[in-house]
Amino acid sequence: MNPNIAALKITAEEIERLIDLDVNEIFIGGAIGGVYRTGVFKQSGRLLTLIATELIVAALVFVFSIPIGLGFTQANGGSFDLPSTLRFLQITLGTTLAVMLGWHGYMQYARKQFALLMPLLDEVDRYNEIIEAVATLIELEKLQSNHSVALPLRQDRTQVLEALRMTRDSLVSGLLTEKILRKSRGLLSRRQDLLANIETNLAALQMLEINQRASEYKTVLNEALQIGITVYQEVQKLSLR
């Protein structure tokens, strides 16, 4: 990937530094003690990973529930006849189910504090996908140039890169705003500065999208603009609370 394009990506490490939380494609705050992301239901690959994680956690809970089941079984005679086996399975599976329900109940409760972060992370994923698409376009341009095919103007690419930089800046500002609102609602001036920065970037993106005429990059600019609009709307929504 072109170094200039690669530098625009927002990595998981940078996200974690910005929001002070562990983040991956499935969970915010880790599998244990964290919450799953809403974005997992939009991609089959992530959904399968979530299901696999759920099964692994359930299996581990079941293993740790075995001593509880054995303890109750032995306390009632210690034999392994059919009634005792059924009692063992009832206690062990019941404990596993109770723990899993408790875990999901906690995640549903904890998700409320990440009401803004969830859509912002989805937009970061969308933005990184755009970066990959632009990198592919640039590689195709290189191939076309080797076959003497006319290329889009270099100015068009420059405008797109500038739009991506502004989109990146808006996403970073949005993530920082979310952290401020989540941790300390007293930092009003800093929050307003970040919101103003997002507004400025959004206005500039709208101008670039209007002026852009290169079909190869028009879709990219439109996607960047839509991300900017979503970030602005989500941050403004929570800022008004």
Protein backbone atom coordinates (compact mmCIF):
# COMPACT_ATOMS: atom_id res chain seq x y z
CA MET A 1 0.00 0.00 0.00
CA ASN A 2 1.15 3.54 -0.80
CA PRO A 3 2.83 4.99 2.36
CA ASN A 4 0.76 8.18 2.15
CA ILE A 5 -2.44 6.14 2.06
CA ALA A 6 -1.31 3.72 4.77
CA ALA A 7 -0.58 6.65 7.09
CA LEU A 8 -4.24 7.72 6.86
CA LYS A 9 -5.60 4.46 8.31
CA ILE A 10 -6.88 4.57 11.88
CA THR A 11 -5.38 1.53 13.57
CA ALA A 12 -6.79 -0.37 16.53
CA GLU A 13 -3.83 0.80 18.61
CA GLU A 14 -4.62 4.43 17.85
CA ILE A 15 -8.29 3.94 18.69
CA GLU A 16 -7.40 2.38 22.04
CA ARG A 17 -5.08 5.29 22.81
CA LEU A 18 -7.78 7.82 21.91
CA ILE A 19 -10.61 6.28 23.95
CA ASP A 20 -8.65 4.54 26.74
CA LEU A 21 -10.37 1.21 26.10
CA ASP A 22 -9.41 -2.13 24.58
CA VAL A 23 -11.12 -2.48 21.21
CA ASN A 24 -11.26 -5.18 18.57
CA GLU A 25 -13.68 -6.09 15.79
CA ILE A 26 -16.04 -7.84 18.23
CA PHE A 27 -15.76 -6.28 21.69
CA ILE A 28 -15.20 -2.96 23.42
CA GLY A 29 -13.34 -3.42 26.70
CA GLY A 30 -12.52 -7.08 26.07
CA ALA A 31 -14.68 -10.21 26.02
CA ILE A 32 -14.71 -10.43 29.83
CA GLY A 33 -15.99 -7.23 31.38
CA GLY A 34 -16.63 -5.52 28.05
CA VAL A 35 -19.54 -5.32 25.59
CA TYR A 36 -19.96 -6.57 22.03
CA ARG A 37 -20.14 -4.05 19.20
CA THR A 38 -23.33 -3.52 17.21
CA GLY A 39 -21.28 -3.73 14.02
CA VAL A 40 -20.79 -7.48 14.47
CA PHE A 41 -24.35 -8.08 13.26
CA LYS A 42 -23.67 -6.31 9.97
CA GLN A 43 -20.84 -8.58 8.80
CA SER A 44 -21.15 -12.35 8.58
CA GLY A 45 -17.48 -12.93 9.38
CA ARG A 46 -17.66 -10.98 12.63
CA LEU A 47 -20.99 -12.58 13.54
CA LEU A 48 -19.47 -16.05 13.15
CA THR A 49 -16.54 -14.97 15.36
CA LEU A 50 -18.99 -13.72 18.00
CA ILE A 51 -20.91 -17.01 17.90
CA ALA A 52 -17.66 -18.96 18.23
CA THR A 53 -16.66 -16.78 21.19
CA GLU A 54 -20.03 -17.37 22.83
CA LEU A 55 -19.65 -21.13 22.43
CA ILE A 56 -16.12 -21.08 23.86
CA VAL A 57 -17.22 -19.01 26.86
CA ALA A 58 -20.21 -21.32 27.43
CA ALA A 59 -17.91 -24.37 27.28
CA LEU A 60 -15.52 -22.83 29.81
CA VAL A 61 -18.37 -21.93 32.14
CA PHE A 62 -19.70 -25.49 31.82
CA VAL A 63 -16.28 -26.92 32.72
CA PHE A 64 -16.06 -24.72 35.81
CA SER A 65 -19.63 -25.69 36.72
CA ILE A 66 -18.80 -29.42 36.82
CA PRO A 67 -17.41 -29.32 40.41
CA ILE A 68 -20.62 -27.60 41.53
CA GLY A 69 -22.73 -30.32 39.94
CA LEU A 70 -20.56 -33.08 41.39
CA GLY A 71 -20.71 -31.47 44.82
CA PHE A 72 -24.50 -31.44 44.84
CA THR A 73 -24.66 -34.99 43.47
CA GLN A 74 -22.29 -36.38 46.09
CA ALA A 75 -24.12 -34.53 48.83
CA ASN A 76 -27.24 -36.43 47.85
CA GLY A 77 -25.77 -39.93 48.02
CA GLY A 78 -22.87 -39.84 45.60
CA SER A 79 -24.19 -42.58 43.31
CA PHE A 80 -24.17 -42.24 39.52
CA ASP A 81 -27.53 -43.75 38.69
CA LEU A 82 -29.89 -42.13 36.21
CA PRO A 83 -31.57 -39.74 38.70
CA SER A 84 -28.17 -38.59 40.01
CA THR A 85 -26.86 -38.08 36.47
CA LEU A 86 -29.93 -36.08 35.52
CA ARG A 87 -29.54 -33.99 38.69
CA PHE A 88 -25.86 -33.41 37.84
CA LEU A 89 -26.72 -32.25 34.31
CA GLN A 90 -29.54 -30.08 35.58
CA ILE A 91 -27.30 -28.28 38.07
CA THR A 92 -24.34 -27.95 35.71
CA LEU A 93 -26.33 -26.78 32.69
CA GLY A 94 -28.48 -24.56 34.89
CA THR A 95 -25.39 -22.88 36.33
CA THR A 96 -23.95 -22.42 32.84
CA LEU A 97 -27.19 -20.89 31.57
CA ALA A 98 -27.45 -18.58 34.58
CA VAL A 99 -23.90 -17.31 34.12
CA MET A 100 -24.39 -16.74 30.38
CA LEU A 101 -27.64 -14.88 30.96
CA GLY A 102 -25.98 -12.79 33.66
CA TRP A 103 -23.09 -11.99 31.30
CA HIS A 104 -25.45 -10.87 28.54
CA GLY A 105 -27.55 -8.90 31.01
CA TYR A 106 -24.44 -7.05 32.16
CA MET A 107 -23.42 -6.29 28.57
CA GLN A 108 -26.87 -4.91 27.76
CA TYR A 109 -26.64 -2.65 30.81
CA ALA A 110 -23.05 -1.55 30.10
CA ARG A 111 -23.78 -0.79 26.44
CA LYS A 112 -25.64 2.38 27.46
CA GLN A 113 -22.41 4.19 28.27
CA PHE A 114 -21.11 3.47 24.76
CA ALA A 115 -24.13 4.88 22.89
CA LEU A 116 -21.93 7.31 20.93
CA LEU A 117 -18.84 5.15 20.66
CA MET A 118 -20.63 2.28 18.88
CA PRO A 119 -21.60 4.22 15.71
CA LEU A 120 -18.26 6.07 15.69
CA LEU A 121 -16.35 2.78 15.63
CA ASP A 122 -18.57 1.59 12.78
CA GLU A 123 -17.67 4.76 10.88
CA VAL A 124 -13.98 4.16 11.55
CA ASP A 125 -14.35 0.71 10.00
CA ARG A 126 -16.14 2.24 7.02
CA TYR A 127 -13.40 4.86 6.67
CA ASN A 128 -10.65 2.23 6.73
CA GLU A 129 -12.50 0.33 3.99
CA ILE A 130 -12.45 3.51 1.90
CA ILE A 131 -8.70 3.76 2.46
CA GLU A 132 -8.33 0.23 1.09
CA ALA A 133 -10.49 1.15 -1.92
CA VAL A 134 -8.39 4.24 -2.67
CA ALA A 135 -5.20 2.20 -2.38
CA THR A 136 -6.64 -0.22 -4.94
CA LEU A 137 -7.55 2.66 -7.28
CA ILE A 138 -4.00 4.00 -7.09
CA GLU A 139 -2.59 0.57 -7.91
CA LEU A 140 -4.95 0.31 -10.88
CA GLU A 141 -3.78 3.71 -12.07
CA LYS A 142 -0.21 2.47 -12.02
CA LEU A 143 -1.19 -0.52 -14.15
CA GLN A 144 -3.10 1.72 -16.55
CA SER A 145 -0.14 4.07 -16.88
CA ASN A 146 2.00 1.13 -17.96
CA HIS A 147 -0.46 0.53 -20.81
CA SER A 148 -0.70 4.19 -21.85
CA VAL A 149 -4.29 4.58 -20.66
CA ALA A 150 -5.39 8.08 -19.69
CA LEU A 151 -5.35 8.69 -15.96
CA PRO A 152 -7.49 10.92 -13.73
CA LEU A 153 -5.90 14.25 -13.05
CA ARG A 154 -3.37 14.27 -10.21
CA GLN A 155 -5.34 17.14 -8.71
CA ASP A 156 -8.33 14.82 -8.29
CA ARG A 157 -6.25 12.40 -6.24
CA THR A 158 -4.85 15.27 -4.18
CA GLN A 159 -8.37 16.45 -3.37
CA VAL A 160 -9.42 12.96 -2.35
CA LEU A 161 -6.41 12.56 -0.07
CA GLU A 162 -7.21 15.93 1.49
CA ALA A 163 -10.82 14.81 1.99
CA LEU A 164 -9.64 11.61 3.66
CA ARG A 165 -7.35 13.59 5.96
CA MET A 166 -10.25 15.78 7.01
CA THR A 167 -12.47 12.74 7.51
CA ARG A 168 -9.78 11.14 9.62
CA ASP A 169 -9.46 14.33 11.66
CA SER A 170 -13.23 14.41 12.22
CA LEU A 171 -13.25 10.78 13.36
CA VAL A 172 -10.38 11.42 15.78
CA SER A 173 -12.20 14.49 17.11
CA GLY A 174 -15.37 12.44 17.47
CA LEU A 175 -13.58 9.71 19.44
CA LEU A 176 -11.94 12.28 21.71
CA THR A 177 -15.30 14.00 22.26
CA GLU A 178 -16.87 10.65 23.19
CA LYS A 179 -14.15 10.04 25.77
CA ILE A 180 -14.61 13.50 27.26
CA LEU A 181 -18.37 13.04 27.51
CA ARG A 182 -17.98 9.56 28.97
CA LYS A 183 -15.36 10.49 31.56
CA SER A 184 -15.86 14.15 32.38
CA ARG A 185 -18.76 16.26 31.20
CA GLY A 186 -17.14 19.32 32.78
CA LEU A 187 -14.66 19.86 29.91
CA LEU A 188 -17.13 21.98 27.96
CA SER A 189 -14.61 24.20 26.18
CA ARG A 190 -12.58 21.26 24.86
CA ARG A 191 -15.76 19.54 23.73
CA GLN A 192 -16.93 22.63 21.84
CA ASP A 193 -13.53 23.02 20.17
CA LEU A 194 -13.71 19.46 18.87
CA LEU A 195 -17.28 19.94 17.63
CA ALA A 196 -16.26 23.13 15.85
CA ASN A 197 -13.40 21.25 14.21
CA ILE A 198 -15.82 18.59 12.95
CA GLU A 199 -18.12 21.32 11.58
CA THR A 200 -15.22 22.96 9.71
CA ASN A 201 -14.13 19.64 8.19
CA LEU A 202 -17.70 18.84 7.17
CA ALA A 203 -18.09 22.16 5.35
CA ALA A 204 -14.80 21.63 3.51
CA LEU A 205 -15.81 18.07 2.56
CA GLN A 206 -19.09 19.34 1.13
CA MET A 207 -17.22 21.82 -1.07
CA LEU A 208 -14.80 19.16 -2.30
CA GLU A 209 -17.67 16.78 -3.08
CA ILE A 210 -19.44 19.46 -5.10
CA ASN A 211 -16.32 20.40 -7.07
CA GLN A 212 -15.13 16.84 -7.74
CA ARG A 213 -15.85 15.60 -11.28
CA ALA A 214 -13.58 12.55 -11.57
CA SER A 215 -15.89 9.52 -11.57
CA GLU A 216 -13.16 7.24 -10.17
CA TYR A 217 -12.99 9.29 -7.00
CA LYS A 218 -16.47 10.80 -6.77
CA THR A 219 -17.82 7.77 -4.91
CA VAL A 220 -14.93 7.94 -2.45
CA LEU A 221 -15.58 11.62 -1.77
CA ASN A 222 -19.29 10.95 -1.29
CA GLU A 223 -18.50 8.18 1.21
CA ALA A 224 -16.12 10.48 3.07
CA LEU A 225 -18.81 13.16 3.18
CA GLN A 226 -21.39 10.69 4.53
CA ILE A 227 -18.97 9.63 7.27
CA GLY A 228 -18.38 13.28 8.15
CA ILE A 229 -22.13 13.92 8.36
CA THR A 230 -22.68 10.85 10.57
CA VAL A 231 -19.84 11.83 12.92
CA TYR A 232 -21.20 15.36 13.21
CA GLN A 233 -24.76 14.17 13.88
CA GLU A 234 -23.73 11.60 16.50
CA VAL A 235 -21.44 13.99 18.38
CA GLN A 236 -24.00 16.80 18.26
CA LYS A 237 -26.74 14.45 19.54
CA LEU A 238 -24.77 13.49 22.63
CA SER A 239 -23.42 17.02 23.17
CA LEU A 240 -26.98 18.29 23.51
CA ARG A 241 -27.86 15.83 26.29
